[in-house]
Amino acid sequence: MPSVSRAAVVTHGRTRNVEGAIERLRAVAEAAGGELDFDAEPDADVDLVVVVGGDGTMLRALARFRGRELPVIGVNFGRIGFLAAIPADELESGLRRAFAGEYVSVSLP
């Protein structure tokens, strides 16, 4: 996959719970030369959607960008994290790989 130059970010809205994660995400994006869009509209020009939260946040992001065929990757800051690919403690390494284009996209119906 090509490297990511611009990513939409979707959080669960409780910033006090993910504020540190957002700063970590900003550092990864900056080091990769990428931009983050925290207010991306469904038709925004982005290469990837990064979800920081739990399964509910992931479902909201999938619904928001439905039909776009954008890769969506989750960092688990919820309780279960069934839909998230990256555990919270692996945020940097997982997102570094994603921004470098080192991910596999699985299409869902």
C-alpha atoms as a PDB file:
ATOM      1  CA  MET A   1       0.000   0.000   0.000  1.00  0.00           C
ATOM      2  CA  PRO A   2       1.172   3.560  -0.569  1.00  0.00           C
ATOM      3  CA  SER A   3       2.343   5.633   2.362  1.00  0.00           C
ATOM      4  CA  VAL A   4      -0.199   7.843   4.106  1.00  0.00           C
ATOM      5  CA  SER A   5       0.065  11.584   3.634  1.00  0.00           C
ATOM      6  CA  ARG A   6      -3.225  12.594   5.265  1.00  0.00           C
ATOM      7  CA  ALA A   7      -5.325  10.726   7.821  1.00  0.00           C
ATOM      8  CA  ALA A   8      -8.728  11.429   9.305  1.00  0.00           C
ATOM      9  CA  VAL A   9      -8.888  10.882  13.060  1.00  0.00           C
ATOM     10  CA  VAL A  10     -12.042   9.772  14.868  1.00  0.00           C
ATOM     11  CA  THR A  11     -12.137   9.636  18.683  1.00  0.00           C
ATOM     12  CA  HIS A  12     -14.865   8.695  21.113  1.00  0.00           C
ATOM     13  CA  GLY A  13     -15.133  12.322  22.210  1.00  0.00           C
ATOM     14  CA  ARG A  14     -13.899  11.970  25.776  1.00  0.00           C
ATOM     15  CA  THR A  15     -10.609  13.729  25.144  1.00  0.00           C
ATOM     16  CA  ARG A  16      -9.356  13.449  28.702  1.00  0.00           C
ATOM     17  CA  ASN A  17      -9.192   9.661  28.198  1.00  0.00           C
ATOM     18  CA  VAL A  18      -7.269   9.828  24.913  1.00  0.00           C
ATOM     19  CA  GLU A  19      -5.482  13.177  25.107  1.00  0.00           C
ATOM     20  CA  GLY A  20      -2.084  11.518  25.595  1.00  0.00           C
ATOM     21  CA  ALA A  21      -2.809   9.141  22.729  1.00  0.00           C
ATOM     22  CA  ILE A  22      -3.611  12.056  20.433  1.00  0.00           C
ATOM     23  CA  GLU A  23      -0.265  13.666  21.221  1.00  0.00           C
ATOM     24  CA  ARG A  24       1.462  10.351  20.513  1.00  0.00           C
ATOM     25  CA  LEU A  25      -0.454  10.077  17.224  1.00  0.00           C
ATOM     26  CA  ARG A  26       0.554  13.629  16.269  1.00  0.00           C
ATOM     27  CA  ALA A  27       4.212  12.759  16.875  1.00  0.00           C
ATOM     28  CA  VAL A  28       3.994   9.644  14.674  1.00  0.00           C
ATOM     29  CA  ALA A  29       2.262  11.558  11.870  1.00  0.00           C
ATOM     30  CA  GLU A  30       4.757  14.415  12.036  1.00  0.00           C
ATOM     31  CA  ALA A  31       7.730  12.031  11.926  1.00  0.00           C
ATOM     32  CA  ALA A  32       6.188  10.330   8.874  1.00  0.00           C
ATOM     33  CA  GLY A  33       5.543  13.655   7.140  1.00  0.00           C
ATOM     34  CA  GLY A  34       1.790  13.112   7.371  1.00  0.00           C
ATOM     35  CA  GLU A  35      -1.104  15.371   8.278  1.00  0.00           C
ATOM     36  CA  LEU A  36      -4.021  14.669  10.603  1.00  0.00           C
ATOM     37  CA  ASP A  37      -7.584  15.877  10.054  1.00  0.00           C
ATOM     38  CA  PHE A  38      -9.691  15.806  13.223  1.00  0.00           C
ATOM     39  CA  ASP A  39     -12.763  17.302  11.518  1.00  0.00           C
ATOM     40  CA  ALA A  40     -12.779  15.282   8.289  1.00  0.00           C
ATOM     41  CA  GLU A  41     -16.044  15.229   6.420  1.00  0.00           C
ATOM     42  CA  PRO A  42     -17.062  11.943   4.786  1.00  0.00           C
ATOM     43  CA  ASP A  43     -15.801  13.184   1.396  1.00  0.00           C
ATOM     44  CA  ALA A  44     -12.467  14.530   2.742  1.00  0.00           C
ATOM     45  CA  ASP A  45      -9.282  13.876   0.781  1.00  0.00           C
ATOM     46  CA  VAL A  46      -7.646  11.395   3.165  1.00  0.00           C
ATOM     47  CA  ASP A  47      -5.688   8.176   2.673  1.00  0.00           C
ATOM     48  CA  LEU A  48      -6.566   6.485   5.964  1.00  0.00           C
ATOM     49  CA  VAL A  49      -8.954   6.765   8.904  1.00  0.00           C
ATOM     50  CA  VAL A  50      -7.427   6.311  12.371  1.00  0.00           C
ATOM     51  CA  VAL A  51      -9.900   5.468  15.122  1.00  0.00           C
ATOM     52  CA  VAL A  52      -8.801   6.133  18.709  1.00  0.00           C
ATOM     53  CA  GLY A  53     -11.365   4.568  21.020  1.00  0.00           C
ATOM     54  CA  GLY A  54     -13.309   1.363  21.298  1.00  0.00           C
ATOM     55  CA  ASP A  55     -15.634  -0.728  19.184  1.00  0.00           C
ATOM     56  CA  GLY A  56     -18.419   1.866  19.290  1.00  0.00           C
ATOM     57  CA  THR A  57     -16.074   4.531  17.981  1.00  0.00           C
ATOM     58  CA  MET A  58     -14.960   2.163  15.218  1.00  0.00           C
ATOM     59  CA  LEU A  59     -18.567   1.507  14.186  1.00  0.00           C
ATOM     60  CA  ARG A  60     -19.262   5.271  14.085  1.00  0.00           C
ATOM     61  CA  ALA A  61     -16.189   5.831  11.887  1.00  0.00           C
ATOM     62  CA  LEU A  62     -17.162   3.001   9.530  1.00  0.00           C
ATOM     63  CA  ALA A  63     -20.655   4.456   9.163  1.00  0.00           C
ATOM     64  CA  ARG A  64     -19.289   7.971   8.632  1.00  0.00           C
ATOM     65  CA  PHE A  65     -16.961   6.956   5.797  1.00  0.00           C
ATOM     66  CA  ARG A  66     -19.195   4.223   4.335  1.00  0.00           C
ATOM     67  CA  GLY A  67     -18.843   3.780   0.595  1.00  0.00           C
ATOM     68  CA  ARG A  68     -15.428   5.462   0.401  1.00  0.00           C
ATOM     69  CA  GLU A  69     -13.295   2.297   0.317  1.00  0.00           C
ATOM     70  CA  LEU A  70     -10.871   3.932   2.742  1.00  0.00           C
ATOM     71  CA  PRO A  71      -8.740   1.810   5.024  1.00  0.00           C
ATOM     72  CA  VAL A  72      -9.784   2.251   8.660  1.00  0.00           C
ATOM     73  CA  ILE A  73      -7.481   1.237  11.511  1.00  0.00           C
ATOM     74  CA  GLY A  74      -8.295   1.304  15.194  1.00  0.00           C
ATOM     75  CA  VAL A  75      -6.218   1.896  18.302  1.00  0.00           C
ATOM     76  CA  ASN A  76      -8.027   0.300  21.240  1.00  0.00           C
ATOM     77  CA  PHE A  77      -8.854   2.664  24.074  1.00  0.00           C
ATOM     78  CA  GLY A  78     -12.118   0.914  24.875  1.00  0.00           C
ATOM     79  CA  ARG A  79     -12.887  -2.059  27.049  1.00  0.00           C
ATOM     80  CA  ILE A  80     -13.030  -4.924  24.541  1.00  0.00           C
ATOM     81  CA  GLY A  81     -11.340  -3.689  21.369  1.00  0.00           C
ATOM     82  CA  PHE A  82     -12.620  -6.503  19.187  1.00  0.00           C
ATOM     83  CA  LEU A  83     -12.514  -4.277  16.079  1.00  0.00           C
ATOM     84  CA  ALA A  84      -9.227  -2.485  16.809  1.00  0.00           C
ATOM     85  CA  ALA A  85      -6.012  -3.725  15.210  1.00  0.00           C
ATOM     86  CA  ILE A  86      -3.607  -1.861  17.492  1.00  0.00           C
ATOM     87  CA  PRO A  87      -3.454  -2.161  21.297  1.00  0.00           C
ATOM     88  CA  ALA A  88      -3.050   1.180  23.102  1.00  0.00           C
ATOM     89  CA  ASP A  89       0.483   0.332  24.228  1.00  0.00           C
ATOM     90  CA  GLU A  90       1.541  -0.328  20.618  1.00  0.00           C
ATOM     91  CA  LEU A  91       0.167   2.933  19.173  1.00  0.00           C
ATOM     92  CA  GLU A  92       3.519   4.253  17.926  1.00  0.00           C
ATOM     93  CA  SER A  93       4.775   1.076  16.275  1.00  0.00           C
ATOM     94  CA  GLY A  94       1.414   0.231  14.725  1.00  0.00           C
ATOM     95  CA  LEU A  95       0.762   3.697  13.331  1.00  0.00           C
ATOM     96  CA  ARG A  96       4.340   4.086  12.102  1.00  0.00           C
ATOM     97  CA  ARG A  97       3.750   0.985   9.977  1.00  0.00           C
ATOM     98  CA  ALA A  98       0.356   2.271   8.822  1.00  0.00           C
ATOM     99  CA  PHE A  99       1.766   5.670   7.797  1.00  0.00           C
ATOM    100  CA  ALA A 100       4.552   3.857   5.917  1.00  0.00           C
ATOM    101  CA  GLY A 101       1.904   1.934   3.982  1.00  0.00           C
ATOM    102  CA  GLU A 102       2.723  -1.349   5.714  1.00  0.00           C
ATOM    103  CA  TYR A 103      -0.807  -2.608   6.210  1.00  0.00           C
ATOM    104  CA  VAL A 104      -3.220  -5.011   4.564  1.00  0.00           C
ATOM    105  CA  SER A 105      -6.699  -3.787   3.801  1.00  0.00           C
ATOM    106  CA  VAL A 106      -9.568  -6.258   4.175  1.00  0.00           C
ATOM    107  CA  SER A 107     -12.769  -5.354   2.348  1.00  0.00           C
ATOM    108  CA  LEU A 108     -16.025  -5.739   4.226  1.00  0.00           C
ATOM    109  CA  PRO A 109     -19.398  -6.152   2.486  1.00  0.00           C
END
